[in-house]
Amino acid sequence: MDSNKKEELLVRINQAIANIRPYLEADGGDVRVLDVDDDFVVHVELLGACESCPMSPMTMKAGIEEAIKRMAPEVTAIKAKNAQAAL
């Protein structure tokens, strides 16, 4: 992926996260985008309460992933380097 396309994609991804950030912060958490790879996989890091929350898999799927894919449908997956394993 060329750098211009990646930058444009990152802008949309960060806007999607900004839209849901108040909900994450309300529970003491946050998320940070680390990278987008050439396969359109977004790599994120969960921060604060989201790091250790047993609900983080649900937050990833129903919150973060849905918001990002709505703004950037070409994204194929979102992976958190530190999400709790699903129970």
PDB file of N, CA and C in Angstrom:
ATOM      1  N   MET A   1       0.858  -1.171   0.000  1.00  0.00           N
ATOM      2  CA  MET A   1       0.000   0.000   0.000  1.00  0.00           C
ATOM      3  C   MET A   1       0.901   1.229   0.000  1.00  0.00           C
ATOM      4  N   ASP A   2       0.596   2.189  -0.886  1.00  0.00           N
ATOM      5  CA  ASP A   2       1.441   3.373  -0.942  1.00  0.00           C
ATOM      6  C   ASP A   2       1.197   4.276   0.271  1.00  0.00           C
ATOM      7  N   SER A   3       2.149   5.136   0.550  1.00  0.00           N
ATOM      8  CA  SER A   3       2.097   5.938   1.777  1.00  0.00           C
ATOM      9  C   SER A   3       0.920   6.910   1.804  1.00  0.00           C
ATOM     10  N   ASN A   4       0.514   7.452   0.652  1.00  0.00           N
ATOM     11  CA  ASN A   4      -0.638   8.356   0.627  1.00  0.00           C
ATOM     12  C   ASN A   4      -1.926   7.623   0.989  1.00  0.00           C
ATOM     13  N   LYS A   5      -2.103   6.438   0.437  1.00  0.00           N
ATOM     14  CA  LYS A   5      -3.300   5.650   0.746  1.00  0.00           C
ATOM     15  C   LYS A   5      -3.309   5.245   2.220  1.00  0.00           C
ATOM     16  N   LYS A   6      -2.133   4.872   2.729  1.00  0.00           N
ATOM     17  CA  LYS A   6      -2.042   4.483   4.133  1.00  0.00           C
ATOM     18  C   LYS A   6      -2.380   5.665   5.046  1.00  0.00           C
ATOM     19  N   GLU A   7      -1.856   6.835   4.730  1.00  0.00           N
ATOM     20  CA  GLU A   7      -2.149   8.027   5.542  1.00  0.00           C
ATOM     21  C   GLU A   7      -3.637   8.353   5.524  1.00  0.00           C
ATOM     22  N   GLU A   8      -4.262   8.273   4.362  1.00  0.00           N
ATOM     23  CA  GLU A   8      -5.698   8.559   4.248  1.00  0.00           C
ATOM     24  C   GLU A   8      -6.505   7.539   5.042  1.00  0.00           C
ATOM     25  N   LEU A   9      -6.093   6.293   4.976  1.00  0.00           N
ATOM     26  CA  LEU A   9      -6.766   5.235   5.727  1.00  0.00           C
ATOM     27  C   LEU A   9      -6.601   5.457   7.233  1.00  0.00           C
ATOM     28  N   LEU A  10      -5.403   5.821   7.668  1.00  0.00           N
ATOM     29  CA  LEU A  10      -5.167   6.084   9.089  1.00  0.00           C
ATOM     30  C   LEU A  10      -6.008   7.247   9.599  1.00  0.00           C
ATOM     31  N   VAL A  11      -6.215   8.255   8.769  1.00  0.00           N
ATOM     32  CA  VAL A  11      -7.071   9.385   9.164  1.00  0.00           C
ATOM     33  C   VAL A  11      -8.484   8.890   9.435  1.00  0.00           C
ATOM     34  N   ARG A  12      -9.016   8.051   8.539  1.00  0.00           N
ATOM     35  CA  ARG A  12     -10.374   7.526   8.736  1.00  0.00           C
ATOM     36  C   ARG A  12     -10.451   6.601   9.946  1.00  0.00           C
ATOM     37  N   ILE A  13      -9.442   5.775  10.143  1.00  0.00           N
ATOM     38  CA  ILE A  13      -9.419   4.872  11.293  1.00  0.00           C
ATOM     39  C   ILE A  13      -9.377   5.671  12.595  1.00  0.00           C
ATOM     40  N   ASN A  14      -8.524   6.679  12.643  1.00  0.00           N
ATOM     41  CA  ASN A  14      -8.431   7.491  13.856  1.00  0.00           C
ATOM     42  C   ASN A  14      -9.704   8.289  14.106  1.00  0.00           C
ATOM     43  N   GLN A  15     -10.401   8.697  13.050  1.00  0.00           N
ATOM     44  CA  GLN A  15     -11.681   9.378  13.221  1.00  0.00           C
ATOM     45  C   GLN A  15     -12.713   8.413  13.810  1.00  0.00           C
ATOM     46  N   ALA A  16     -12.713   7.187  13.331  1.00  0.00           N
ATOM     47  CA  ALA A  16     -13.634   6.178  13.866  1.00  0.00           C
ATOM     48  C   ALA A  16     -13.373   5.963  15.353  1.00  0.00           C
ATOM     49  N   ILE A  17     -12.116   5.882  15.724  1.00  0.00           N
ATOM     50  CA  ILE A  17     -11.770   5.694  17.135  1.00  0.00           C
ATOM     51  C   ILE A  17     -12.159   6.925  17.944  1.00  0.00           C
ATOM     52  N   ALA A  18     -11.947   8.102  17.385  1.00  0.00           N
ATOM     53  CA  ALA A  18     -12.336   9.333  18.087  1.00  0.00           C
ATOM     54  C   ALA A  18     -13.839   9.342  18.376  1.00  0.00           C
ATOM     55  N   ASN A  19     -14.626   8.765  17.483  1.00  0.00           N
ATOM     56  CA  ASN A  19     -16.077   8.712  17.674  1.00  0.00           C
ATOM     57  C   ASN A  19     -16.482   7.834  18.853  1.00  0.00           C
ATOM     58  N   ILE A  20     -15.712   6.788  19.124  1.00  0.00           N
ATOM     59  CA  ILE A  20     -16.070   5.885  20.231  1.00  0.00           C
ATOM     60  C   ILE A  20     -15.225   6.119  21.484  1.00  0.00           C
ATOM     61  N   ARG A  21     -14.203   6.949  21.371  1.00  0.00           N
ATOM     62  CA  ARG A  21     -13.302   7.195  22.503  1.00  0.00           C
ATOM     63  C   ARG A  21     -14.028   7.621  23.779  1.00  0.00           C
ATOM     64  N   PRO A  22     -15.040   8.491  23.713  1.00  0.00           N
ATOM     65  CA  PRO A  22     -15.728   8.875  24.957  1.00  0.00           C
ATOM     66  C   PRO A  22     -16.310   7.680  25.712  1.00  0.00           C
ATOM     67  N   TYR A  23     -16.762   6.675  24.992  1.00  0.00           N
ATOM     68  CA  TYR A  23     -17.324   5.482  25.636  1.00  0.00           C
ATOM     69  C   TYR A  23     -16.226   4.661  26.306  1.00  0.00           C
ATOM     70  N   LEU A  24     -15.081   4.557  25.646  1.00  0.00           N
ATOM     71  CA  LEU A  24     -13.951   3.842  26.226  1.00  0.00           C
ATOM     72  C   LEU A  24     -13.430   4.576  27.465  1.00  0.00           C
ATOM     73  N   GLU A  25     -13.297   5.898  27.335  1.00  0.00           N
ATOM     74  CA  GLU A  25     -12.781   6.700  28.442  1.00  0.00           C
ATOM     75  C   GLU A  25     -13.722   6.693  29.644  1.00  0.00           C
ATOM     76  N   ALA A  26     -15.019   6.580  29.389  1.00  0.00           N
ATOM     77  CA  ALA A  26     -15.993   6.546  30.482  1.00  0.00           C
ATOM     78  C   ALA A  26     -15.748   5.354  31.404  1.00  0.00           C
ATOM     79  N   ASP A  27     -15.174   4.298  30.843  1.00  0.00           N
ATOM     80  CA  ASP A  27     -14.855   3.099  31.631  1.00  0.00           C
ATOM     81  C   ASP A  27     -13.372   3.029  31.989  1.00  0.00           C
ATOM     82  N   GLY A  28     -12.644   4.117  31.766  1.00  0.00           N
ATOM     83  CA  GLY A  28     -11.231   4.160  32.136  1.00  0.00           C
ATOM     84  C   GLY A  28     -10.284   3.560  31.118  1.00  0.00           C
ATOM     85  N   GLY A  29     -10.736   3.396  29.894  1.00  0.00           N
ATOM     86  CA  GLY A  29      -9.896   2.779  28.870  1.00  0.00           C
ATOM     87  C   GLY A  29      -9.663   3.670  27.674  1.00  0.00           C
ATOM     88  N   ASP A  30      -8.928   3.161  26.729  1.00  0.00           N
ATOM     89  CA  ASP A  30      -8.660   3.860  25.475  1.00  0.00           C
ATOM     90  C   ASP A  30      -8.038   2.862  24.500  1.00  0.00           C
ATOM     91  N   VAL A  31      -7.810   3.282  23.285  1.00  0.00           N
ATOM     92  CA  VAL A  31      -7.182   2.442  22.274  1.00  0.00           C
ATOM     93  C   VAL A  31      -6.290   3.325  21.413  1.00  0.00           C
ATOM     94  N   ARG A  32      -5.176   2.750  20.953  1.00  0.00           N
ATOM     95  CA  ARG A  32      -4.229   3.482  20.120  1.00  0.00           C
ATOM     96  C   ARG A  32      -3.897   2.634  18.907  1.00  0.00           C
ATOM     97  N   VAL A  33      -3.910   3.257  17.741  1.00  0.00           N
ATOM     98  CA  VAL A  33      -3.546   2.563  16.500  1.00  0.00           C
ATOM     99  C   VAL A  33      -2.021   2.483  16.427  1.00  0.00           C
ATOM    100  N   LEU A  34      -1.525   1.288  16.207  1.00  0.00           N
ATOM    101  CA  LEU A  34      -0.085   1.075  16.068  1.00  0.00           C
ATOM    102  C   LEU A  34       0.340   1.080  14.609  1.00  0.00           C
ATOM    103  N   ASP A  35      -0.454   0.409  13.753  1.00  0.00           N
ATOM    104  CA  ASP A  35      -0.074   0.297  12.347  1.00  0.00           C
ATOM    105  C   ASP A  35      -1.223  -0.290  11.548  1.00  0.00           C
ATOM    106  N   VAL A  36      -1.133  -0.133  10.236  1.00  0.00           N
ATOM    107  CA  VAL A  36      -1.999  -0.834   9.288  1.00  0.00           C
ATOM    108  C   VAL A  36      -1.057  -1.524   8.328  1.00  0.00           C
ATOM    109  N   ASP A  37      -1.213  -2.842   8.193  1.00  0.00           N
ATOM    110  CA  ASP A  37      -0.292  -3.560   7.314  1.00  0.00           C
ATOM    111  C   ASP A  37      -0.827  -3.612   5.882  1.00  0.00           C
ATOM    112  N   ASP A  38      -0.054  -4.211   4.992  1.00  0.00           N
ATOM    113  CA  ASP A  38      -0.412  -4.260   3.570  1.00  0.00           C
ATOM    114  C   ASP A  38      -1.633  -5.124   3.281  1.00  0.00           C
ATOM    115  N   ASP A  39      -2.044  -5.941   4.242  1.00  0.00           N
ATOM    116  CA  ASP A  39      -3.256  -6.749   4.104  1.00  0.00           C
ATOM    117  C   ASP A  39      -4.472  -6.055   4.700  1.00  0.00           C
ATOM    118  N   PHE A  40      -4.317  -4.757   5.024  1.00  0.00           N
ATOM    119  CA  PHE A  40      -5.384  -3.941   5.606  1.00  0.00           C
ATOM    120  C   PHE A  40      -5.832  -4.448   6.976  1.00  0.00           C
ATOM    121  N   VAL A  41      -4.890  -4.994   7.729  1.00  0.00           N
ATOM    122  CA  VAL A  41      -5.134  -5.384   9.115  1.00  0.00           C
ATOM    123  C   VAL A  41      -4.659  -4.225   9.988  1.00  0.00           C
ATOM    124  N   VAL A  42      -5.550  -3.760  10.858  1.00  0.00           N
ATOM    125  CA  VAL A  42      -5.232  -2.664  11.763  1.00  0.00           C
ATOM    126  C   VAL A  42      -4.724  -3.269  13.074  1.00  0.00           C
ATOM    127  N   HIS A  43      -3.564  -2.832  13.505  1.00  0.00           N
ATOM    128  CA  HIS A  43      -2.979  -3.295  14.764  1.00  0.00           C
ATOM    129  C   HIS A  43      -3.148  -2.181  15.789  1.00  0.00           C
ATOM    130  N   VAL A  44      -3.792  -2.525  16.897  1.00  0.00           N
ATOM    131  CA  VAL A  44      -4.064  -1.544  17.942  1.00  0.00           C
ATOM    132  C   VAL A  44      -3.519  -2.030  19.275  1.00  0.00           C
ATOM    133  N   GLU A  45      -3.465  -1.106  20.217  1.00  0.00           N
ATOM    134  CA  GLU A  45      -3.100  -1.423  21.583  1.00  0.00           C
ATOM    135  C   GLU A  45      -4.203  -0.899  22.487  1.00  0.00           C
ATOM    136  N   LEU A  46      -4.708  -1.763  23.340  1.00  0.00           N
ATOM    137  CA  LEU A  46      -5.708  -1.346  24.313  1.00  0.00           C
ATOM    138  C   LEU A  46      -4.977  -0.708  25.490  1.00  0.00           C
ATOM    139  N   LEU A  47      -5.542   0.375  25.993  1.00  0.00           N
ATOM    140  CA  LEU A  47      -4.895   1.132  27.059  1.00  0.00           C
ATOM    141  C   LEU A  47      -5.797   1.239  28.281  1.00  0.00           C
ATOM    142  N   GLY A  48      -5.203   1.529  29.413  1.00  0.00           N
ATOM    143  CA  GLY A  48      -5.958   1.735  30.645  1.00  0.00           C
ATOM    144  C   GLY A  48      -6.740   0.505  31.042  1.00  0.00           C
ATOM    145  N   ALA A  49      -7.977   0.713  31.447  1.00  0.00           N
ATOM    146  CA  ALA A  49      -8.824  -0.383  31.916  1.00  0.00           C
ATOM    147  C   ALA A  49      -9.082  -1.424  30.825  1.00  0.00           C
ATOM    148  N   CYS A  50      -8.996  -1.035  29.570  1.00  0.00           N
ATOM    149  CA  CYS A  50      -9.250  -1.979  28.471  1.00  0.00           C
ATOM    150  C   CYS A  50      -8.211  -3.096  28.420  1.00  0.00           C
ATOM    151  N   GLU A  51      -7.003  -2.832  28.936  1.00  0.00           N
ATOM    152  CA  GLU A  51      -5.943  -3.840  28.897  1.00  0.00           C
ATOM    153  C   GLU A  51      -6.302  -5.098  29.681  1.00  0.00           C
ATOM    154  N   SER A  52      -6.933  -4.912  30.827  1.00  0.00           N
ATOM    155  CA  SER A  52      -7.184  -6.050  31.712  1.00  0.00           C
ATOM    156  C   SER A  52      -8.663  -6.406  31.845  1.00  0.00           C
ATOM    157  N   CYS A  53      -9.508  -5.734  31.120  1.00  0.00           N
ATOM    158  CA  CYS A  53     -10.949  -5.964  31.233  1.00  0.00           C
ATOM    159  C   CYS A  53     -11.347  -7.291  30.588  1.00  0.00           C
ATOM    160  N   PRO A  54     -12.113  -8.105  31.297  1.00  0.00           N
ATOM    161  CA  PRO A  54     -12.561  -9.366  30.698  1.00  0.00           C
ATOM    162  C   PRO A  54     -13.549  -9.149  29.550  1.00  0.00           C
ATOM    163  N   MET A  55     -14.069  -7.944  29.415  1.00  0.00           N
ATOM    164  CA  MET A  55     -14.995  -7.635  28.321  1.00  0.00           C
ATOM    165  C   MET A  55     -14.276  -7.097  27.082  1.00  0.00           C
ATOM    166  N   SER A  56     -12.947  -7.027  27.118  1.00  0.00           N
ATOM    167  CA  SER A  56     -12.219  -6.452  25.988  1.00  0.00           C
ATOM    168  C   SER A  56     -12.476  -7.160  24.656  1.00  0.00           C
ATOM    169  N   PRO A  57     -12.676  -8.488  24.609  1.00  0.00           N
ATOM    170  CA  PRO A  57     -13.013  -9.087  23.313  1.00  0.00           C
ATOM    171  C   PRO A  57     -14.328  -8.542  22.746  1.00  0.00           C
ATOM    172  N   MET A  58     -15.309  -8.307  23.624  1.00  0.00           N
ATOM    173  CA  MET A  58     -16.580  -7.748  23.159  1.00  0.00           C
ATOM    174  C   MET A  58     -16.388  -6.293  22.726  1.00  0.00           C
ATOM    175  N   THR A  59     -15.601  -5.548  23.478  1.00  0.00           N
ATOM    176  CA  THR A  59     -15.311  -4.156  23.110  1.00  0.00           C
ATOM    177  C   THR A  59     -14.628  -4.121  21.755  1.00  0.00           C
ATOM    178  N   MET A  60     -13.692  -5.026  21.525  1.00  0.00           N
ATOM    179  CA  MET A  60     -12.994  -5.074  20.241  1.00  0.00           C
ATOM    180  C   MET A  60     -13.965  -5.353  19.101  1.00  0.00           C
ATOM    181  N   LYS A  61     -14.830  -6.355  19.267  1.00  0.00           N
ATOM    182  CA  LYS A  61     -15.709  -6.790  18.187  1.00  0.00           C
ATOM    183  C   LYS A  61     -16.863  -5.813  17.959  1.00  0.00           C
ATOM    184  N   ALA A  62     -17.608  -5.520  19.017  1.00  0.00           N
ATOM    185  CA  ALA A  62     -18.829  -4.731  18.871  1.00  0.00           C
ATOM    186  C   ALA A  62     -18.578  -3.229  18.866  1.00  0.00           C
ATOM    187  N   GLY A  63     -17.448  -2.802  19.388  1.00  0.00           N
ATOM    188  CA  GLY A  63     -17.187  -1.375  19.460  1.00  0.00           C
ATOM    189  C   GLY A  63     -16.139  -0.927  18.466  1.00  0.00           C
ATOM    190  N   ILE A  64     -14.914  -1.298  18.725  1.00  0.00           N
ATOM    191  CA  ILE A  64     -13.789  -0.799  17.945  1.00  0.00           C
ATOM    192  C   ILE A  64     -13.832  -1.302  16.503  1.00  0.00           C
ATOM    193  N   GLU A  65     -13.991  -2.608  16.316  1.00  0.00           N
ATOM    194  CA  GLU A  65     -13.998  -3.166  14.957  1.00  0.00           C
ATOM    195  C   GLU A  65     -15.159  -2.624  14.126  1.00  0.00           C
ATOM    196  N   GLU A  66     -16.327  -2.584  14.720  1.00  0.00           N
ATOM    197  CA  GLU A  66     -17.498  -2.084  13.994  1.00  0.00           C
ATOM    198  C   GLU A  66     -17.322  -0.624  13.588  1.00  0.00           C
ATOM    199  N   ALA A  67     -16.819   0.197  14.497  1.00  0.00           N
ATOM    200  CA  ALA A  67     -16.618   1.620  14.197  1.00  0.00           C
ATOM    201  C   ALA A  67     -15.600   1.812  13.074  1.00  0.00           C
ATOM    202  N   ILE A  68     -14.493   1.070  13.158  1.00  0.00           N
ATOM    203  CA  ILE A  68     -13.457   1.207  12.128  1.00  0.00           C
ATOM    204  C   ILE A  68     -13.964   0.732  10.775  1.00  0.00           C
ATOM    205  N   LYS A  69     -14.620  -0.418  10.731  1.00  0.00           N
ATOM    206  CA  LYS A  69     -15.087  -0.947   9.445  1.00  0.00           C
ATOM    207  C   LYS A  69     -16.188  -0.091   8.822  1.00  0.00           C
ATOM    208  N   ARG A  70     -16.917   0.622   9.651  1.00  0.00           N
ATOM    209  CA  ARG A  70     -17.939   1.535   9.120  1.00  0.00           C
ATOM    210  C   ARG A  70     -17.273   2.704   8.381  1.00  0.00           C
ATOM    211  N   MET A  71     -16.154   3.207   8.920  1.00  0.00           N
ATOM    212  CA  MET A  71     -15.452   4.341   8.314  1.00  0.00           C
ATOM    213  C   MET A  71     -14.431   3.897   7.259  1.00  0.00           C
ATOM    214  N   ALA A  72     -13.946   2.662   7.377  1.00  0.00           N
ATOM    215  CA  ALA A  72     -12.908   2.157   6.476  1.00  0.00           C
ATOM    216  C   ALA A  72     -13.240   0.713   6.105  1.00  0.00           C
ATOM    217  N   PRO A  73     -14.200   0.513   5.204  1.00  0.00           N
ATOM    218  CA  PRO A  73     -14.658  -0.842   4.881  1.00  0.00           C
ATOM    219  C   PRO A  73     -13.591  -1.750   4.270  1.00  0.00           C
ATOM    220  N   GLU A  74     -12.509  -1.182   3.767  1.00  0.00           N
ATOM    221  CA  GLU A  74     -11.456  -2.018   3.192  1.00  0.00           C
ATOM    222  C   GLU A  74     -10.622  -2.728   4.255  1.00  0.00           C
ATOM    223  N   VAL A  75     -10.767  -2.341   5.513  1.00  0.00           N
ATOM    224  CA  VAL A  75     -10.049  -3.002   6.600  1.00  0.00           C
ATOM    225  C   VAL A  75     -10.541  -4.444   6.703  1.00  0.00           C
ATOM    226  N   THR A  76      -9.605  -5.383   6.771  1.00  0.00           N
ATOM    227  CA  THR A  76      -9.969  -6.803   6.810  1.00  0.00           C
ATOM    228  C   THR A  76     -10.059  -7.358   8.227  1.00  0.00           C
ATOM    229  N   ALA A  77      -9.303  -6.761   9.152  1.00  0.00           N
ATOM    230  CA  ALA A  77      -9.320  -7.245  10.538  1.00  0.00           C
ATOM    231  C   ALA A  77      -8.712  -6.190  11.449  1.00  0.00           C
ATOM    232  N   ILE A  78      -9.049  -6.292  12.722  1.00  0.00           N
ATOM    233  CA  ILE A  78      -8.450  -5.453  13.752  1.00  0.00           C
ATOM    234  C   ILE A  78      -7.877  -6.399  14.794  1.00  0.00           C
ATOM    235  N   LYS A  79      -6.597  -6.232  15.097  1.00  0.00           N
ATOM    236  CA  LYS A  79      -5.939  -7.099  16.066  1.00  0.00           C
ATOM    237  C   LYS A  79      -5.337  -6.235  17.168  1.00  0.00           C
ATOM    238  N   ALA A  80      -5.655  -6.604  18.413  1.00  0.00           N
ATOM    239  CA  ALA A  80      -5.081  -5.903  19.559  1.00  0.00           C
ATOM    240  C   ALA A  80      -3.930  -6.732  20.090  1.00  0.00           C
ATOM    241  N   LYS A  81      -2.798  -6.092  20.262  1.00  0.00           N
ATOM    242  CA  LYS A  81      -1.624  -6.842  20.727  1.00  0.00           C
ATOM    243  C   LYS A  81      -1.769  -7.284  22.168  1.00  0.00           C
ATOM    244  N   ASN A  82      -2.712  -6.685  22.918  1.00  0.00           N
ATOM    245  CA  ASN A  82      -2.819  -7.008  24.329  1.00  0.00           C
ATOM    246  C   ASN A  82      -4.260  -7.245  24.786  1.00  0.00           C
ATOM    247  N   ALA A  83      -5.134  -7.683  23.896  1.00  0.00           N
ATOM    248  CA  ALA A  83      -6.520  -7.976  24.278  1.00  0.00           C
ATOM    249  C   ALA A  83      -6.570  -9.249  25.105  1.00  0.00           C
ATOM    250  N   GLN A  84      -7.503  -9.286  26.036  1.00  0.00           N
ATOM    251  CA  GLN A  84      -7.722 -10.486  26.839  1.00  0.00           C
ATOM    252  C   GLN A  84      -8.252 -11.586  25.926  1.00  0.00           C
ATOM    253  N   ALA A  85      -7.876 -12.794  26.178  1.00  0.00           N
ATOM    254  CA  ALA A  85      -8.379 -13.920  25.401  1.00  0.00           C
ATOM    255  C   ALA A  85      -9.868 -14.094  25.681  1.00  0.00           C
ATOM    256  N   ALA A  86     -10.613 -14.446  24.676  1.00  0.00           N
ATOM    257  CA  ALA A  86     -12.048 -14.682  24.845  1.00  0.00           C
ATOM    258  C   ALA A  86     -12.254 -15.875  25.766  1.00  0.00           C
ATOM    259  N   LEU A  87     -13.257 -15.770  26.612  1.00  0.00           N
ATOM    260  CA  LEU A  87     -13.535 -16.847  27.561  1.00  0.00           C
ATOM    261  C   LEU A  87     -14.235 -18.004  26.892  1.00  0.00           C
TER     262      LEU A  87
END
